[in-house]
Protein backbone atom coordinates (compact mmCIF):
# COMPACT_ATOMS: atom_id res chain seq x y z
CA MET A 1 9.97 10.68 -5.71
CA ARG A 2 10.95 12.33 -2.42
CA ASP A 3 8.11 14.87 -2.77
CA ALA A 4 5.49 12.56 -4.30
CA GLY A 5 2.30 12.01 -2.34
CA ILE A 6 1.44 8.87 -4.31
CA VAL A 7 3.93 6.38 -5.75
CA CYS A 8 2.66 3.67 -8.11
CA CYS A 9 4.81 0.61 -8.79
CA VAL A 10 3.48 -1.88 -11.34
CA THR A 11 6.02 -4.65 -11.83
CA THR A 12 6.69 -8.33 -11.20
CA SER A 13 10.13 -7.48 -9.80
CA THR A 14 10.93 -9.10 -6.47
CA ALA A 15 13.84 -6.73 -5.85
CA PRO A 16 13.13 -3.48 -3.98
CA LEU A 17 12.53 -0.55 -6.32
CA PHE A 18 13.48 2.05 -3.71
CA THR A 19 14.45 2.36 -0.08
CA LEU A 20 12.04 3.64 2.53
CA ASP A 21 14.03 6.83 3.06
CA GLN A 22 13.54 7.73 -0.62
CA ALA A 23 9.77 7.99 -0.10
CA ALA A 24 8.16 11.05 1.45
CA GLU A 25 7.01 10.74 5.07
CA HIS A 26 3.39 11.13 3.92
CA ALA A 27 3.59 8.97 0.78
CA HIS A 28 1.01 6.39 -0.21
CA VAL A 29 2.48 3.52 -2.26
CA ASN A 30 0.44 1.43 -4.70
CA ALA A 31 2.44 -1.79 -5.16
CA VAL A 32 1.00 -3.96 -7.94
CA GLY A 33 2.33 -7.16 -9.43
CA ALA A 34 4.95 -8.81 -7.21
CA PHE A 35 4.09 -11.71 -4.93
CA ARG A 36 6.60 -10.76 -2.19
CA PRO A 37 7.07 -7.55 -0.20
CA ALA A 38 9.55 -5.26 -1.94
CA ILE A 39 9.29 -2.02 0.00
CA GLY A 40 10.28 -2.36 3.64
CA ASP A 41 8.93 -1.73 7.13
CA HIS A 42 6.84 1.06 8.68
CA LEU A 43 4.02 0.82 6.13
CA ILE A 44 0.46 -0.02 7.10
CA GLY A 45 -1.06 -2.45 4.63
CA LEU A 46 -4.60 -3.17 3.61
CA GLY A 47 -4.80 -6.09 6.04
CA ALA A 48 -4.13 -3.73 8.94
CA ALA A 49 -6.81 -1.38 7.67
CA LEU A 50 -9.32 -4.23 7.59
CA ALA A 51 -8.33 -5.17 11.13
CA GLY A 52 -8.96 -1.63 12.29
CA GLY A 53 -5.43 -0.26 12.02
CA VAL A 54 -5.12 3.42 11.24
CA PRO A 55 -1.95 4.97 9.82
CA PRO A 56 -0.38 7.65 11.96
CA SER A 57 -1.21 11.19 10.91
CA GLY A 58 1.02 11.97 7.96
CA GLY A 59 2.45 8.43 7.95
CA ARG A 60 3.21 6.26 4.96
CA THR A 61 0.58 3.80 3.73
CA VAL A 62 0.64 1.04 1.14
CA PHE A 63 -1.87 -0.78 -1.05
CA LYS A 64 -0.37 -4.15 -2.00
CA THR A 65 -1.99 -6.29 -4.66
CA VAL A 66 -0.96 -8.78 -7.30
CA GLY A 67 -3.25 -7.18 -9.87
CA VAL A 68 -6.29 -9.47 -9.77
CA ALA A 69 -9.20 -7.06 -10.23
CA LEU A 70 -11.80 -9.28 -8.54
CA GLN A 71 -9.69 -9.53 -5.38
CA ASP A 72 -9.07 -5.77 -5.41
CA TRP A 73 -12.81 -5.12 -5.72
CA ALA A 74 -13.62 -7.51 -2.85
CA ILE A 75 -11.09 -5.80 -0.55
CA ALA A 76 -12.35 -2.35 -1.54
CA GLN A 77 -15.90 -3.47 -0.76
CA LEU A 78 -14.85 -4.69 2.71
CA LEU A 79 -13.02 -1.43 3.41
CA ALA A 80 -16.02 0.62 2.33
CA GLN A 81 -18.30 -1.39 4.63
CA ARG A 82 -15.91 -0.92 7.57
CA CYS A 83 -15.65 2.81 6.95
CA LEU A 84 -19.42 3.23 6.83
CA GLN A 85 -20.04 1.38 10.11
């Protein structure tokens, strides 16, 4: 996992699956299923992206969802609109 560019976690676990130092400095994490944060700090979430936040160059990013496709589509649509403006 230390060299992975993308890490996908699909679980309802509320316990952390890994520590932040186990993820590469440039990793993107897809976190699907749990209703509470299970990763740690220093990750820019989708909410920050919608608010205009930009991850630092080479920084870690995260996509957090509970796995409801309609919500995921709505957020993706908003992000696409923001990026095209």
